[in-house]
Amino acid sequence: MNRYERLNALLELLAERGKIEVDDIAEELDVSGATIRRDLDHLAEQQLLTRTRGGAVAHSVAYDLPLRYKTVRRAGEKQRIGRAAAGQVARGAVVGMNGGTTTTEVARALITSADVGGAEGDGVITVVTNALNIANELAVRPQVKLVVTGGVARPQSYELMSPLAGRILSGLSLDVTFLGVDAIDPDVGASAHHEGEADINRMLAERARKVVVVTDSSKIGTRAFASICAISQVHVLVTDTDAREEDVRRFRERGVEVVQV
């Protein structure tokens, strides 16, 4: 287990239990107590937990993990999903993307694809995003005309939110929007934990001719706090092969094309 995997595990255990002890966690993760103490000190410096004499307690059991600690979750699946989703984009397309680890993989696959990465000239495709980390990766690519929405940055996801983003999006037309979601269910549609993120995601979906949800199978069949869009607005779902057959069948019955990789 590398450091990022360990930090991710510590935060998840803390969210689940509310408090953790160094000796117990060191044994559970099969590392030294000194290593766990350094990790907890690092997370405390970022105000993600509160250190105690023998361990740590959570600020809130329901907090959202920052994006940089989510990147190690199901990394292989997300990379495959990203490559499969990027194949849906043709040269000249206007592409919308929200934030998240899976959409980040879509962006990376897109700029290395044959149609885009191997193309000559500026502005082969246009990408509209509210994600600062995606914008950072695409800004140096001459093949991409980059449009970044305005708004206030949310540290957990690097996404820009607020009515400023809506003013930009209201004047744009998108060919395809890639949505990373916190949950998607065949009955209730796509949803997010944070209402501000859901609002921007909803606008990205409404401005697009085609909506592609990209998510690993752990999000399928679940529901989150704030609705993004109904399942009738989702055209394609790209996920991994661990998705349950029953869930896949129900999505297809509702007219959603399901791509499993």
Protein backbone atom coordinates (compact mmCIF):
# COMPACT_ATOMS: atom_id res chain seq x y z
CA MET A 1 0.00 0.00 0.00
CA ASN A 2 1.51 3.33 -1.09
CA ARG A 3 1.12 6.59 0.79
CA TYR A 4 -1.89 7.89 -1.12
CA GLU A 5 -3.69 4.58 -0.66
CA ARG A 6 -2.88 4.73 3.05
CA LEU A 7 -4.14 8.30 3.42
CA ASN A 8 -7.30 7.39 1.59
CA ALA A 9 -7.80 4.36 3.83
CA LEU A 10 -7.28 6.44 6.98
CA LEU A 11 -9.87 9.00 5.92
CA GLU A 12 -12.39 6.33 5.01
CA LEU A 13 -11.89 4.49 8.29
CA LEU A 14 -12.23 7.75 10.18
CA ALA A 15 -15.43 8.64 8.34
CA GLU A 16 -16.83 5.19 9.14
CA ARG A 17 -15.80 5.01 12.81
CA GLY A 18 -15.57 8.62 13.96
CA LYS A 19 -12.27 8.00 15.77
CA ILE A 20 -9.21 5.82 15.27
CA GLU A 21 -6.26 4.75 17.41
CA VAL A 22 -2.69 4.62 16.07
CA ASP A 23 -1.84 1.15 17.38
CA ASP A 24 -5.07 -0.43 16.09
CA ILE A 25 -4.80 1.14 12.63
CA ALA A 26 -1.08 0.33 12.33
CA GLU A 27 -1.90 -3.33 12.89
CA GLU A 28 -4.91 -3.22 10.56
CA LEU A 29 -2.94 -1.63 7.71
CA ASP A 30 0.23 -3.61 8.48
CA VAL A 31 2.51 -0.58 8.84
CA SER A 32 4.45 0.92 11.73
CA GLY A 33 2.92 3.20 14.33
CA ALA A 34 5.41 5.90 13.36
CA THR A 35 4.11 5.81 9.79
CA ILE A 36 0.51 6.17 10.92
CA ARG A 37 1.41 9.06 13.21
CA ARG A 38 3.13 10.89 10.32
CA ASP A 39 0.11 10.29 8.09
CA LEU A 40 -2.31 11.57 10.73
CA ASP A 41 -0.15 14.65 11.32
CA HIS A 42 -0.17 15.31 7.56
CA LEU A 43 -3.97 15.05 7.37
CA ALA A 44 -4.37 17.21 10.48
CA GLU A 45 -2.27 19.95 8.88
CA GLN A 46 -4.82 20.01 6.05
CA GLN A 47 -7.66 20.21 8.59
CA LEU A 48 -9.13 16.89 7.48
CA LEU A 49 -9.13 15.49 11.03
CA THR A 50 -8.28 16.39 14.61
CA ARG A 51 -5.32 14.70 16.28
CA THR A 52 -5.73 13.18 19.72
CA ARG A 53 -3.13 11.78 22.12
CA GLY A 54 -3.35 8.27 20.69
CA GLY A 55 -4.97 8.76 17.31
CA ALA A 56 -7.49 11.07 15.63
CA VAL A 57 -11.15 12.01 15.50
CA ALA A 58 -13.17 13.16 12.50
CA HIS A 59 -14.39 16.71 12.10
CA SER A 60 -17.57 15.21 10.67
CA VAL A 61 -18.41 11.61 9.90
CA ALA A 62 -20.10 12.73 6.66
CA TYR A 63 -17.32 14.79 5.10
CA ASP A 64 -16.41 14.39 1.45
CA LEU A 65 -12.91 13.18 0.61
CA PRO A 66 -10.84 15.68 -1.40
CA LEU A 67 -10.30 14.70 -5.02
CA ARG A 68 -6.58 14.00 -4.57
CA TYR A 69 -7.40 11.19 -2.12
CA LYS A 70 -10.07 9.69 -4.38
CA THR A 71 -7.71 9.15 -7.30
CA VAL A 72 -6.46 5.81 -5.98
CA ARG A 73 -9.93 4.28 -5.80
CA ARG A 74 -10.59 1.87 -8.66
CA ALA A 75 -7.92 3.60 -10.74
CA GLY A 76 -7.71 0.89 -13.39
CA GLU A 77 -11.47 0.88 -13.98
CA LYS A 78 -11.57 4.67 -14.28
CA GLN A 79 -8.77 4.70 -16.84
CA ARG A 80 -10.59 2.12 -18.99
CA ILE A 81 -13.82 4.08 -18.67
CA GLY A 82 -11.99 7.24 -19.69
CA ARG A 83 -10.57 5.66 -22.83
CA ALA A 84 -13.94 4.19 -23.84
CA ALA A 85 -15.76 7.47 -23.28
CA ALA A 86 -13.18 9.51 -25.19
CA GLY A 87 -13.90 7.36 -28.22
CA GLN A 88 -17.34 9.01 -28.44
CA VAL A 89 -15.81 12.39 -29.36
CA ALA A 90 -15.19 13.40 -32.96
CA ARG A 91 -12.97 16.20 -34.25
CA GLY A 92 -14.67 19.57 -34.10
CA ALA A 93 -16.90 18.60 -31.19
CA VAL A 94 -17.80 20.90 -28.31
CA VAL A 95 -17.43 18.85 -25.13
CA GLY A 96 -18.67 19.61 -21.63
CA MET A 97 -17.06 18.06 -18.54
CA ASN A 98 -17.72 18.38 -14.85
CA GLY A 99 -15.12 17.57 -12.21
CA GLY A 100 -14.17 14.26 -10.65
CA THR A 101 -11.63 11.49 -10.98
CA THR A 102 -13.42 9.66 -13.80
CA THR A 103 -14.00 12.73 -15.97
CA THR A 104 -10.34 13.61 -15.42
CA GLU A 105 -9.46 10.26 -16.99
CA VAL A 106 -11.80 11.07 -19.90
CA ALA A 107 -9.92 14.35 -20.45
CA ARG A 108 -6.55 12.59 -20.36
CA ALA A 109 -7.70 9.93 -22.80
CA LEU A 110 -9.19 12.54 -25.07
CA ILE A 111 -5.99 14.53 -25.52
CA THR A 112 -4.00 11.39 -26.31
CA SER A 113 -6.56 9.90 -28.71
CA ALA A 114 -5.81 9.55 -32.40
CA ASP A 115 -8.47 12.09 -33.43
CA VAL A 116 -7.26 14.78 -31.04
CA GLY A 117 -3.80 14.03 -29.68
CA GLY A 118 -2.43 13.13 -33.09
CA ALA A 119 -4.12 15.99 -34.93
CA GLU A 120 -2.32 19.08 -36.17
CA GLY A 121 -3.53 22.61 -35.71
CA ASP A 122 -5.18 24.58 -32.95
CA GLY A 123 -8.66 24.10 -31.56
CA VAL A 124 -9.36 20.60 -32.88
CA ILE A 125 -11.99 20.27 -30.17
CA THR A 126 -13.56 22.68 -27.67
CA VAL A 127 -13.83 21.67 -24.01
CA VAL A 128 -16.07 23.51 -21.57
CA THR A 129 -15.44 22.65 -17.91
CA ASN A 130 -15.91 23.93 -14.41
CA ALA A 131 -13.07 21.73 -13.09
CA LEU A 132 -9.84 23.54 -12.33
CA ASN A 133 -7.68 20.41 -12.42
CA ILE A 134 -8.99 19.43 -15.86
CA ALA A 135 -8.51 22.98 -17.12
CA ASN A 136 -4.93 22.91 -15.82
CA GLU A 137 -4.16 19.77 -17.85
CA LEU A 138 -5.84 20.99 -21.04
CA ALA A 139 -4.65 24.61 -21.04
CA VAL A 140 -1.24 23.66 -22.50
CA ARG A 141 -2.74 21.59 -25.33
CA PRO A 142 -2.99 23.61 -28.57
CA GLN A 143 -5.47 21.06 -29.99
CA VAL A 144 -7.99 22.09 -27.32
CA LYS A 145 -9.93 25.33 -27.25
CA LEU A 146 -10.58 25.60 -23.53
CA VAL A 147 -13.54 27.39 -21.95
CA VAL A 148 -13.65 27.56 -18.15
CA THR A 149 -16.80 28.61 -16.36
CA GLY A 150 -16.61 31.25 -13.68
CA GLY A 151 -17.50 30.58 -10.09
CA VAL A 152 -16.16 29.89 -6.63
CA ALA A 153 -13.81 26.92 -6.22
CA ARG A 154 -14.86 23.99 -4.02
CA PRO A 155 -11.65 22.53 -2.51
CA GLN A 156 -12.91 18.94 -2.29
CA SER A 157 -13.51 18.59 -6.04
CA TYR A 158 -11.64 21.55 -7.60
CA GLU A 159 -14.95 22.53 -9.24
CA LEU A 160 -16.18 26.08 -9.81
CA MET A 161 -19.72 26.78 -8.63
CA SER A 162 -22.14 29.71 -8.12
CA PRO A 163 -24.43 31.62 -10.52
CA LEU A 164 -21.35 32.92 -12.36
CA ALA A 165 -20.90 29.48 -13.95
CA GLY A 166 -24.54 29.41 -14.99
CA ARG A 167 -24.21 32.69 -16.87
CA ILE A 168 -21.44 31.25 -19.01
CA LEU A 169 -23.19 27.95 -19.67
CA SER A 170 -26.54 29.54 -20.54
CA GLY A 171 -25.04 30.97 -23.73
CA LEU A 172 -23.35 27.79 -24.97
CA SER A 173 -24.38 24.73 -26.97
CA LEU A 174 -22.53 21.44 -26.38
CA ASP A 175 -22.36 18.37 -28.56
CA VAL A 176 -21.69 15.99 -25.69
CA THR A 177 -21.36 16.33 -21.92
CA PHE A 178 -19.44 13.84 -19.82
CA LEU A 179 -20.78 13.68 -16.29
CA GLY A 180 -19.05 12.11 -13.34
CA VAL A 181 -21.65 11.39 -10.67
CA ASP A 182 -21.82 10.34 -7.03
CA ALA A 183 -24.76 8.05 -7.76
CA ILE A 184 -26.95 6.86 -10.60
CA ASP A 185 -30.12 4.79 -10.36
CA PRO A 186 -32.38 3.54 -13.18
CA ASP A 187 -35.45 4.97 -11.43
CA VAL A 188 -34.28 8.33 -10.02
CA GLY A 189 -31.46 9.24 -12.41
CA ALA A 190 -28.09 10.82 -11.67
CA SER A 191 -27.30 12.64 -8.43
CA ALA A 192 -24.53 14.27 -6.40
CA HIS A 193 -23.74 14.70 -2.71
CA HIS A 194 -23.39 18.49 -2.98
CA GLU A 195 -26.27 20.65 -4.22
CA GLY A 196 -23.97 23.26 -5.77
CA GLU A 197 -22.19 20.66 -7.87
CA ALA A 198 -25.53 19.18 -8.90
CA ASP A 199 -26.73 22.58 -10.18
CA ILE A 200 -23.74 23.03 -12.49
CA ASN A 201 -23.89 19.41 -13.62
CA ARG A 202 -27.56 19.87 -14.46
CA MET A 203 -26.78 22.88 -16.64
CA LEU A 204 -23.99 21.00 -18.43
CA ALA A 205 -26.48 18.22 -19.19
CA GLU A 206 -29.22 20.59 -20.34
CA ARG A 207 -26.91 22.38 -22.81
CA ALA A 208 -25.78 19.14 -24.50
CA ARG A 209 -27.27 17.14 -27.35
CA LYS A 210 -25.84 13.96 -25.80
CA VAL A 211 -25.21 13.15 -22.13
CA VAL A 212 -22.69 10.45 -21.23
CA VAL A 213 -22.42 9.42 -17.58
CA VAL A 214 -19.01 7.98 -16.68
CA THR A 215 -18.76 6.12 -13.39
CA ASP A 216 -17.41 2.96 -11.86
CA SER A 217 -19.89 0.30 -10.78
CA SER A 218 -19.78 1.23 -7.09
CA LYS A 219 -22.01 4.27 -7.86
CA ILE A 220 -24.63 2.30 -9.80
CA GLY A 221 -27.94 1.57 -8.11
CA THR A 222 -27.32 4.20 -5.43
CA ARG A 223 -28.78 7.61 -4.68
CA ALA A 224 -27.23 10.85 -3.44
CA PHE A 225 -28.63 14.02 -1.88
CA ALA A 226 -29.09 16.34 -4.87
CA SER A 227 -30.59 15.44 -8.24
CA ILE A 228 -28.64 16.18 -11.43
CA CYS A 229 -30.99 14.85 -14.09
CA ALA A 230 -33.61 12.20 -14.78
CA ILE A 231 -32.55 8.95 -16.40
CA SER A 232 -34.46 10.01 -19.54
CA GLN A 233 -31.79 12.69 -20.09
CA VAL A 234 -28.91 10.18 -20.02
CA HIS A 235 -28.03 8.72 -23.42
CA VAL A 236 -24.98 6.59 -22.55
CA LEU A 237 -23.59 5.06 -19.34
CA VAL A 238 -19.93 3.99 -19.45
CA THR A 239 -18.92 1.79 -16.53
CA ASP A 240 -16.89 -1.28 -15.64
CA THR A 241 -17.72 -4.95 -15.95
CA ASP A 242 -18.52 -5.34 -12.24
CA ALA A 243 -21.90 -3.64 -12.71
CA ARG A 244 -24.74 -5.98 -11.76
CA GLU A 245 -26.59 -7.55 -14.69
CA GLU A 246 -29.94 -6.54 -13.20
CA ASP A 247 -28.92 -2.86 -13.04
CA VAL A 248 -27.57 -2.94 -16.59
CA ARG A 249 -30.81 -4.49 -17.82
CA ARG A 250 -32.91 -1.81 -16.13
CA PHE A 251 -30.86 1.00 -17.64
CA ARG A 252 -31.22 -0.50 -21.11
CA GLU A 253 -34.97 -0.89 -20.63
CA ARG A 254 -35.10 2.87 -20.03
CA GLY A 255 -33.30 3.60 -23.28
CA VAL A 256 -29.79 4.11 -21.94
CA GLU A 257 -26.92 2.63 -23.93
CA VAL A 258 -24.62 0.85 -21.46
CA VAL A 259 -20.95 0.41 -22.33
CA GLN A 260 -18.96 -1.87 -20.02
CA VAL A 261 -15.15 -1.98 -20.12
